[in-house]
Amino acid sequence: MRRTVLVIDDVDTCASTLELVFAGIDGVDVLTAVSAEQAWCILEDSPVSAVVTDLEMRDMDGFELIERIRAHQLHRSLPIMVITGSSDPDAGRRAASLGANAFFTKPYSAVLVRERMEQLLDHDTHMP
């Protein structure tokens, strides 16, 4: 069974790095979006198994995207991972309160991010 991970980051090198991290997971295809608006269009048109989003983006921030995903009946249980360079100490707590399943700050461990994504894809788990 093929699964698709949607990576949203407006910095090409960040998105490309995550694409490589997740491409190593068996049966996973990776789509990338450079904005939350573009990601929303992909979510409306393509089956996605998990979302990875940055928080700081130009058109719509990651918090708003998480809220939008959780408000949509078809995407309500979609696993969401946040990977951000934000220095806001409350960002993780806020993302979790909105429904994010995992939270990492940049720089991150590619091994831990990959392991957590594998868990999210295998189980509908929620961030503690």
C-alpha atoms as a PDB file:
ATOM      1  CA  MET A   1       0.000   0.000   0.000  1.00  0.00           C
ATOM      2  CA  ARG A   2       1.434   3.363  -1.070  1.00  0.00           C
ATOM      3  CA  ARG A   3       1.118   6.271   1.337  1.00  0.00           C
ATOM      4  CA  THR A   4       1.718   9.945   0.627  1.00  0.00           C
ATOM      5  CA  VAL A   5       3.364  12.446   2.946  1.00  0.00           C
ATOM      6  CA  LEU A   6       2.757  16.108   2.147  1.00  0.00           C
ATOM      7  CA  VAL A   7       5.651  18.382   3.174  1.00  0.00           C
ATOM      8  CA  ILE A   8       4.889  22.115   3.424  1.00  0.00           C
ATOM      9  CA  ASP A   9       7.815  24.495   3.727  1.00  0.00           C
ATOM     10  CA  ASP A  10       8.507  27.728   1.869  1.00  0.00           C
ATOM     11  CA  VAL A  11      12.270  27.117   1.975  1.00  0.00           C
ATOM     12  CA  ASP A  12      13.250  24.756  -0.850  1.00  0.00           C
ATOM     13  CA  THR A  13      16.254  23.243   0.927  1.00  0.00           C
ATOM     14  CA  CYS A  14      14.168  22.399   4.003  1.00  0.00           C
ATOM     15  CA  ALA A  15      11.473  20.729   1.907  1.00  0.00           C
ATOM     16  CA  SER A  16      14.060  18.845  -0.164  1.00  0.00           C
ATOM     17  CA  THR A  17      15.810  17.562   2.964  1.00  0.00           C
ATOM     18  CA  LEU A  18      12.535  16.272   4.400  1.00  0.00           C
ATOM     19  CA  GLU A  19      11.678  14.719   1.052  1.00  0.00           C
ATOM     20  CA  LEU A  20      14.896  12.686   1.291  1.00  0.00           C
ATOM     21  CA  VAL A  21      14.210  11.735   4.925  1.00  0.00           C
ATOM     22  CA  PHE A  22      10.745  10.378   4.138  1.00  0.00           C
ATOM     23  CA  ALA A  23      11.598   8.851   0.763  1.00  0.00           C
ATOM     24  CA  GLY A  24      13.558   6.224   2.687  1.00  0.00           C
ATOM     25  CA  ILE A  25      10.373   4.862   4.252  1.00  0.00           C
ATOM     26  CA  ASP A  26       9.052   1.835   2.342  1.00  0.00           C
ATOM     27  CA  GLY A  27       5.871   2.533   0.423  1.00  0.00           C
ATOM     28  CA  VAL A  28       5.974   6.303   0.941  1.00  0.00           C
ATOM     29  CA  ASP A  29       5.687   8.947  -1.744  1.00  0.00           C
ATOM     30  CA  VAL A  30       6.413  12.572  -0.889  1.00  0.00           C
ATOM     31  CA  LEU A  31       4.633  15.632  -2.257  1.00  0.00           C
ATOM     32  CA  THR A  32       5.894  19.118  -1.471  1.00  0.00           C
ATOM     33  CA  ALA A  33       4.145  22.464  -1.267  1.00  0.00           C
ATOM     34  CA  VAL A  34       5.755  25.883  -0.875  1.00  0.00           C
ATOM     35  CA  SER A  35       2.768  27.437   0.884  1.00  0.00           C
ATOM     36  CA  ALA A  36      -0.136  26.483   3.096  1.00  0.00           C
ATOM     37  CA  GLU A  37      -2.549  27.569   0.349  1.00  0.00           C
ATOM     38  CA  GLN A  38      -0.861  25.262  -2.161  1.00  0.00           C
ATOM     39  CA  ALA A  39      -0.942  22.471   0.442  1.00  0.00           C
ATOM     40  CA  TRP A  40      -4.668  22.997   0.964  1.00  0.00           C
ATOM     41  CA  CYS A  41      -5.268  22.613  -2.782  1.00  0.00           C
ATOM     42  CA  ILE A  42      -3.298  19.353  -2.748  1.00  0.00           C
ATOM     43  CA  LEU A  43      -5.297  18.103   0.258  1.00  0.00           C
ATOM     44  CA  GLU A  44      -8.535  18.799  -1.590  1.00  0.00           C
ATOM     45  CA  ASP A  45      -7.416  16.906  -4.715  1.00  0.00           C
ATOM     46  CA  SER A  46      -5.085  14.102  -3.576  1.00  0.00           C
ATOM     47  CA  PRO A  47      -5.193  11.345  -0.983  1.00  0.00           C
ATOM     48  CA  VAL A  48      -2.612  12.224   1.682  1.00  0.00           C
ATOM     49  CA  SER A  49      -1.599   9.967   4.582  1.00  0.00           C
ATOM     50  CA  ALA A  50       0.252  12.575   6.693  1.00  0.00           C
ATOM     51  CA  VAL A  51       1.216  16.245   6.678  1.00  0.00           C
ATOM     52  CA  VAL A  52       4.493  17.859   7.720  1.00  0.00           C
ATOM     53  CA  THR A  53       4.343  21.624   8.049  1.00  0.00           C
ATOM     54  CA  ASP A  54       6.517  24.536   8.986  1.00  0.00           C
ATOM     55  CA  LEU A  55       4.876  27.192  11.164  1.00  0.00           C
ATOM     56  CA  GLU A  56       6.313  30.353   9.662  1.00  0.00           C
ATOM     57  CA  MET A  57       5.056  30.803   6.118  1.00  0.00           C
ATOM     58  CA  ARG A  58       3.989  33.837   4.135  1.00  0.00           C
ATOM     59  CA  ASP A  59       0.348  33.310   3.144  1.00  0.00           C
ATOM     60  CA  MET A  60      -1.049  31.267   6.020  1.00  0.00           C
ATOM     61  CA  ASP A  61       0.967  30.125   9.000  1.00  0.00           C
ATOM     62  CA  GLY A  62       1.206  26.507  10.092  1.00  0.00           C
ATOM     63  CA  PHE A  63      -1.089  27.072  13.064  1.00  0.00           C
ATOM     64  CA  GLU A  64      -3.886  28.224  10.767  1.00  0.00           C
ATOM     65  CA  LEU A  65      -3.247  25.274   8.458  1.00  0.00           C
ATOM     66  CA  ILE A  66      -3.500  22.838  11.384  1.00  0.00           C
ATOM     67  CA  GLU A  67      -6.793  24.439  12.440  1.00  0.00           C
ATOM     68  CA  ARG A  68      -8.121  24.213   8.901  1.00  0.00           C
ATOM     69  CA  ILE A  69      -7.138  20.552   8.574  1.00  0.00           C
ATOM     70  CA  ARG A  70      -8.708  19.624  11.917  1.00  0.00           C
ATOM     71  CA  ALA A  71     -11.917  21.502  11.050  1.00  0.00           C
ATOM     72  CA  HIS A  72     -12.373  19.569   7.807  1.00  0.00           C
ATOM     73  CA  GLN A  73     -14.291  16.329   8.279  1.00  0.00           C
ATOM     74  CA  LEU A  74     -12.219  14.323   5.753  1.00  0.00           C
ATOM     75  CA  HIS A  75      -8.897  15.393   7.280  1.00  0.00           C
ATOM     76  CA  ARG A  76      -9.808  15.524  10.963  1.00  0.00           C
ATOM     77  CA  SER A  77      -7.678  12.485  11.879  1.00  0.00           C
ATOM     78  CA  LEU A  78      -4.842  13.106   9.401  1.00  0.00           C
ATOM     79  CA  PRO A  79      -1.481  12.848  11.223  1.00  0.00           C
ATOM     80  CA  ILE A  80       0.262  16.231  11.400  1.00  0.00           C
ATOM     81  CA  MET A  81       3.946  16.760  12.165  1.00  0.00           C
ATOM     82  CA  VAL A  82       5.331  20.244  12.750  1.00  0.00           C
ATOM     83  CA  ILE A  83       8.986  21.000  11.970  1.00  0.00           C
ATOM     84  CA  THR A  84       9.871  24.624  12.578  1.00  0.00           C
ATOM     85  CA  GLY A  85      12.682  27.045  13.123  1.00  0.00           C
ATOM     86  CA  SER A  86      10.452  29.149  15.377  1.00  0.00           C
ATOM     87  CA  SER A  87      12.073  30.250  18.619  1.00  0.00           C
ATOM     88  CA  ASP A  88       8.686  30.717  20.316  1.00  0.00           C
ATOM     89  CA  PRO A  89       8.820  28.558  23.466  1.00  0.00           C
ATOM     90  CA  ASP A  90       5.025  28.108  23.366  1.00  0.00           C
ATOM     91  CA  ALA A  91       4.889  26.938  19.715  1.00  0.00           C
ATOM     92  CA  GLY A  92       4.953  23.229  20.592  1.00  0.00           C
ATOM     93  CA  ARG A  93       2.202  23.545  23.168  1.00  0.00           C
ATOM     94  CA  ARG A  94       0.066  25.634  20.797  1.00  0.00           C
ATOM     95  CA  ALA A  95       0.577  23.186  17.915  1.00  0.00           C
ATOM     96  CA  ALA A  96      -0.390  20.268  20.166  1.00  0.00           C
ATOM     97  CA  SER A  97      -3.485  22.092  21.414  1.00  0.00           C
ATOM     98  CA  LEU A  98      -4.583  22.599  17.793  1.00  0.00           C
ATOM     99  CA  GLY A  99      -4.123  18.916  16.994  1.00  0.00           C
ATOM    100  CA  ALA A 100      -0.515  18.358  15.874  1.00  0.00           C
ATOM    101  CA  ASN A 101       0.700  14.819  16.531  1.00  0.00           C
ATOM    102  CA  ALA A 102       4.434  15.575  16.619  1.00  0.00           C
ATOM    103  CA  PHE A 103       6.632  18.653  16.995  1.00  0.00           C
ATOM    104  CA  PHE A 104      10.309  19.166  16.140  1.00  0.00           C
ATOM    105  CA  THR A 105      12.462  22.275  16.032  1.00  0.00           C
ATOM    106  CA  LYS A 106      15.194  22.924  13.483  1.00  0.00           C
ATOM    107  CA  PRO A 107      17.845  21.644  13.530  1.00  0.00           C
ATOM    108  CA  TYR A 108      16.276  18.232  14.042  1.00  0.00           C
ATOM    109  CA  SER A 109      17.443  14.634  14.038  1.00  0.00           C
ATOM    110  CA  ALA A 110      16.514  13.086  10.674  1.00  0.00           C
ATOM    111  CA  VAL A 111      16.484   9.662  12.353  1.00  0.00           C
ATOM    112  CA  LEU A 112      13.989  10.751  15.032  1.00  0.00           C
ATOM    113  CA  VAL A 113      11.790  12.567  12.499  1.00  0.00           C
ATOM    114  CA  ARG A 114      11.720   9.506  10.258  1.00  0.00           C
ATOM    115  CA  GLU A 115      10.960   7.160  13.172  1.00  0.00           C
ATOM    116  CA  ARG A 116       8.115   9.379  14.356  1.00  0.00           C
ATOM    117  CA  MET A 117       6.674   9.584  10.832  1.00  0.00           C
ATOM    118  CA  GLU A 118       6.774   5.793  10.557  1.00  0.00           C
ATOM    119  CA  GLN A 119       4.831   5.623  13.840  1.00  0.00           C
ATOM    120  CA  LEU A 120       2.285   8.162  12.633  1.00  0.00           C
ATOM    121  CA  LEU A 121       1.782   6.305   9.376  1.00  0.00           C
ATOM    122  CA  ASP A 122       1.427   2.936  11.121  1.00  0.00           C
ATOM    123  CA  HIS A 123      -0.867   4.121  13.916  1.00  0.00           C
ATOM    124  CA  ASP A 124      -3.231   6.985  14.465  1.00  0.00           C
ATOM    125  CA  THR A 125      -1.320   8.207  17.522  1.00  0.00           C
ATOM    126  CA  HIS A 126      -1.505  11.631  19.100  1.00  0.00           C
ATOM    127  CA  MET A 127       1.158  13.806  20.625  1.00  0.00           C
ATOM    128  CA  PRO A 128       1.265  13.356  24.415  1.00  0.00           C
END
